[in-house]
């Protein structure tokens, strides 16, 4: 069966692989999925490249999961579609001294099995004000803002170790963060009898 990921981003694909198979060489976290093929699909989130609200971020993840599932079903039997989307979410009650809002980045994962959706989210973290200002004023995504603000030379840090790796000085990678998010989405998927969805 196919586990269809709604992205060709190599970090997202590696994160799903890590979530399913574990951190070692084929040490499965989910033995029932061991024979499945994890396959990426180039699908659109149908939201802005840089989502800025919980609603937009969730919608992007749902759209990716739904479309990936549909595309995989055309080819073979599909276990489920996986949609992963990171967004900037305004932190209520928190502002900078100049009155502008502070934002956290949070990643959502939605899993679609053809009839139901299961979800999980990452721990959030705050980006520096210079990054948020660049995103808002110049209309670029987070990866480009990190490059323009000279935090990195990478043109696509989101497809590598991620901004969280820069900010934590190598202690956390984007792949780890996404893998944890996928495992959180799999909680309800694996325990369907406890969830009325």
Protein backbone atom coordinates (compact mmCIF):
# COMPACT_ATOMS: atom_id res chain seq x y z
CA UNK A 1 0.00 0.00 0.00
CA UNK A 2 1.02 3.60 -0.52
CA UNK A 3 1.42 6.17 2.21
CA UNK A 4 0.94 9.28 0.09
CA UNK A 5 2.66 12.48 1.18
CA UNK A 6 1.34 15.71 -0.28
CA UNK A 7 4.77 17.17 -1.04
CA UNK A 8 8.04 16.48 -2.84
CA UNK A 9 9.97 18.39 -0.16
CA UNK A 10 12.76 15.98 0.80
CA UNK A 11 12.65 17.01 4.48
CA UNK A 12 8.93 16.26 4.73
CA UNK A 13 9.40 12.90 3.01
CA UNK A 14 12.34 12.00 5.28
CA UNK A 15 10.27 13.05 8.31
CA UNK A 16 7.38 10.75 7.35
CA UNK A 17 9.88 7.95 6.79
CA UNK A 18 11.39 8.63 10.22
CA UNK A 19 7.97 8.79 11.88
CA UNK A 20 6.91 5.42 10.42
CA UNK A 21 10.17 3.49 10.52
CA UNK A 22 11.91 5.07 13.51
CA UNK A 23 15.37 6.55 13.82
CA UNK A 24 17.40 3.42 13.14
CA UNK A 25 17.74 1.28 10.02
CA UNK A 26 14.19 0.02 9.54
CA UNK A 27 13.32 -0.12 13.25
CA UNK A 28 9.60 0.33 12.76
CA UNK A 29 7.55 2.49 15.06
CA UNK A 30 4.49 1.18 13.19
CA UNK A 31 5.10 -2.48 12.20
CA UNK A 32 1.74 -2.64 10.39
CA UNK A 33 3.06 -0.10 7.88
CA UNK A 34 6.44 -1.76 7.32
CA UNK A 35 5.64 -3.01 3.81
CA UNK A 36 4.05 0.27 2.72
CA UNK A 37 5.73 2.57 0.23
CA UNK A 38 6.06 6.20 1.23
CA UNK A 39 5.58 8.22 -1.93
CA UNK A 40 5.58 12.00 -2.45
CA UNK A 41 3.15 13.82 -4.73
CA UNK A 42 3.47 17.31 -6.13
CA UNK A 43 0.18 18.79 -4.93
CA UNK A 44 -0.90 22.31 -4.09
CA UNK A 45 -1.81 23.44 -0.60
CA UNK A 46 -4.21 25.93 -2.25
CA UNK A 47 -3.21 28.51 0.36
CA UNK A 48 -0.51 31.19 0.40
CA UNK A 49 3.08 29.95 0.25
CA UNK A 50 3.48 31.37 3.74
CA UNK A 51 0.25 30.72 5.70
CA UNK A 52 -0.46 33.30 8.41
CA UNK A 53 -3.41 31.98 10.39
CA UNK A 54 -4.34 28.68 12.04
CA UNK A 55 -7.24 28.34 9.59
CA UNK A 56 -5.04 28.83 6.54
CA UNK A 57 -2.36 26.45 7.85
CA UNK A 58 -4.90 23.74 8.68
CA UNK A 59 -6.61 24.19 5.30
CA UNK A 60 -3.25 23.78 3.53
CA UNK A 61 -2.49 20.54 5.38
CA UNK A 62 -5.99 19.16 4.74
CA UNK A 63 -5.75 20.01 1.04
CA UNK A 64 -2.37 18.30 0.74
CA UNK A 65 -3.58 15.13 2.52
CA UNK A 66 -6.79 14.95 0.47
CA UNK A 67 -5.12 15.45 -2.90
CA UNK A 68 -2.22 13.08 -2.12
CA UNK A 69 -4.70 10.38 -1.13
CA UNK A 70 -6.72 10.88 -4.33
CA UNK A 71 -3.61 10.80 -6.54
CA UNK A 72 -2.28 7.63 -4.89
CA UNK A 73 -5.66 5.88 -5.19
CA UNK A 74 -5.45 6.37 -8.96
CA UNK A 75 -2.21 4.34 -8.98
CA UNK A 76 -2.68 1.69 -6.33
CA UNK A 77 -4.20 0.93 -2.96
CA UNK A 78 -3.52 3.79 -0.58
CA UNK A 79 -3.39 3.48 3.21
CA UNK A 80 -3.70 7.22 3.77
CA UNK A 81 -2.65 10.66 2.57
CA UNK A 82 -0.41 12.87 4.68
CA UNK A 83 -0.57 16.66 4.52
CA UNK A 84 2.05 18.77 6.30
CA UNK A 85 1.90 22.56 6.48
CA UNK A 86 3.79 25.08 8.62
CA UNK A 87 2.27 28.46 9.37
CA UNK A 88 2.92 31.64 11.30
CA UNK A 89 0.36 32.17 14.04
CA UNK A 90 -0.07 35.45 15.88
CA UNK A 91 0.45 35.07 19.62
CA UNK A 92 -2.47 36.64 21.40
CA UNK A 93 -1.60 39.18 24.11
CA UNK A 94 2.09 39.34 23.09
CA UNK A 95 3.56 42.27 21.21
CA UNK A 96 6.95 43.85 20.64
CA UNK A 97 7.71 47.20 22.29
CA UNK A 98 6.64 48.95 19.05
CA UNK A 99 3.19 47.31 19.33
CA UNK A 100 3.57 44.84 16.46
CA UNK A 101 2.42 41.27 17.13
CA UNK A 102 4.72 38.37 17.87
CA UNK A 103 4.32 35.11 15.92
CA UNK A 104 5.06 31.47 16.49
CA UNK A 105 5.63 28.87 13.82
CA UNK A 106 3.59 25.70 14.19
CA UNK A 107 3.44 22.70 11.87
CA UNK A 108 0.22 20.76 11.33
CA UNK A 109 -0.09 17.24 9.98
CA UNK A 110 -3.40 15.87 8.69
CA UNK A 111 -3.88 12.23 7.74
CA UNK A 112 -6.76 11.33 5.43
CA UNK A 113 -7.87 7.70 5.03
CA UNK A 114 -10.54 8.40 2.41
CA UNK A 115 -13.34 9.16 4.83
CA UNK A 116 -11.83 10.63 8.00
CA UNK A 117 -9.15 13.12 9.02
CA UNK A 118 -6.72 12.74 11.91
CA UNK A 119 -4.41 15.54 12.99
CA UNK A 120 -1.45 16.51 15.12
CA UNK A 121 0.65 19.63 15.57
CA UNK A 122 4.19 20.49 16.52
CA UNK A 123 5.47 22.49 19.42
CA UNK A 124 5.63 26.13 18.43
CA UNK A 125 8.63 28.43 18.41
CA UNK A 126 9.12 32.14 17.85
CA UNK A 127 11.02 33.69 14.95
CA UNK A 128 13.10 36.85 15.48
CA UNK A 129 11.30 40.14 14.80
CA UNK A 130 13.58 40.89 11.82
CA UNK A 131 12.36 37.71 10.13
CA UNK A 132 8.68 38.47 10.70
CA UNK A 133 9.15 42.06 9.50
CA UNK A 134 10.82 40.77 6.33
CA UNK A 135 8.00 38.29 5.66
CA UNK A 136 5.31 40.94 6.21
CA UNK A 137 6.97 43.85 4.39
CA UNK A 138 8.55 41.97 1.49
CA UNK A 139 5.95 39.23 1.02
CA UNK A 140 8.45 36.36 1.12
CA UNK A 141 8.31 33.01 2.89
CA UNK A 142 10.28 32.17 6.03
CA UNK A 143 13.14 30.47 4.15
CA UNK A 144 13.71 33.52 1.98
CA UNK A 145 13.44 35.85 4.99
CA UNK A 146 16.20 33.91 6.79
CA UNK A 147 18.42 34.28 3.73
CA UNK A 148 17.68 37.97 3.22
CA UNK A 149 18.29 38.71 6.91
CA UNK A 150 21.64 36.85 6.71
CA UNK A 151 20.75 34.11 9.20
CA UNK A 152 21.75 31.55 6.55
CA UNK A 153 23.16 31.32 3.03
CA UNK A 154 20.76 28.52 2.11
CA UNK A 155 18.13 29.53 -0.45
CA UNK A 156 15.72 26.83 0.79
CA UNK A 157 16.43 26.16 4.46
CA UNK A 158 12.91 24.72 4.82
CA UNK A 159 13.99 21.82 2.62
CA UNK A 160 17.07 21.23 4.75
CA UNK A 161 17.50 21.26 8.54
CA UNK A 162 15.13 24.19 8.93
CA UNK A 163 15.03 27.52 10.71
CA UNK A 164 14.50 25.75 14.03
CA UNK A 165 17.96 24.21 13.55
CA UNK A 166 19.49 27.67 13.14
CA UNK A 167 17.68 29.05 16.20
CA UNK A 168 18.47 26.04 18.44
CA UNK A 169 22.11 26.00 17.29
CA UNK A 170 21.76 22.50 15.87
CA UNK A 171 19.80 20.95 18.75
CA UNK A 172 16.55 20.43 16.79
CA UNK A 173 16.03 19.75 13.09
CA UNK A 174 12.96 20.36 10.99
CA UNK A 175 12.88 16.66 10.15
CA UNK A 176 12.64 15.77 13.87
CA UNK A 177 9.92 18.36 14.41
CA UNK A 178 7.82 17.11 11.47
CA UNK A 179 8.32 13.44 12.42
CA UNK A 180 6.96 14.18 15.90
CA UNK A 181 4.00 15.99 14.33
CA UNK A 182 3.24 12.99 12.08
CA UNK A 183 3.36 10.65 15.09
CA UNK A 184 0.90 12.91 16.91
CA UNK A 185 -1.48 12.71 13.94
CA UNK A 186 -1.13 8.93 13.99
CA UNK A 187 -2.43 8.79 17.60
CA UNK A 188 -6.08 9.01 16.55
CA UNK A 189 -5.43 7.07 13.34
CA UNK A 190 -4.02 4.13 15.32
CA UNK A 191 -6.70 4.32 18.04
CA UNK A 192 -9.80 4.90 15.92
CA UNK A 193 -12.03 3.13 18.43
CA UNK A 194 -11.44 5.93 20.92
CA UNK A 195 -12.06 8.80 18.51
CA UNK A 196 -15.46 9.59 17.06
CA UNK A 197 -14.40 11.16 13.79
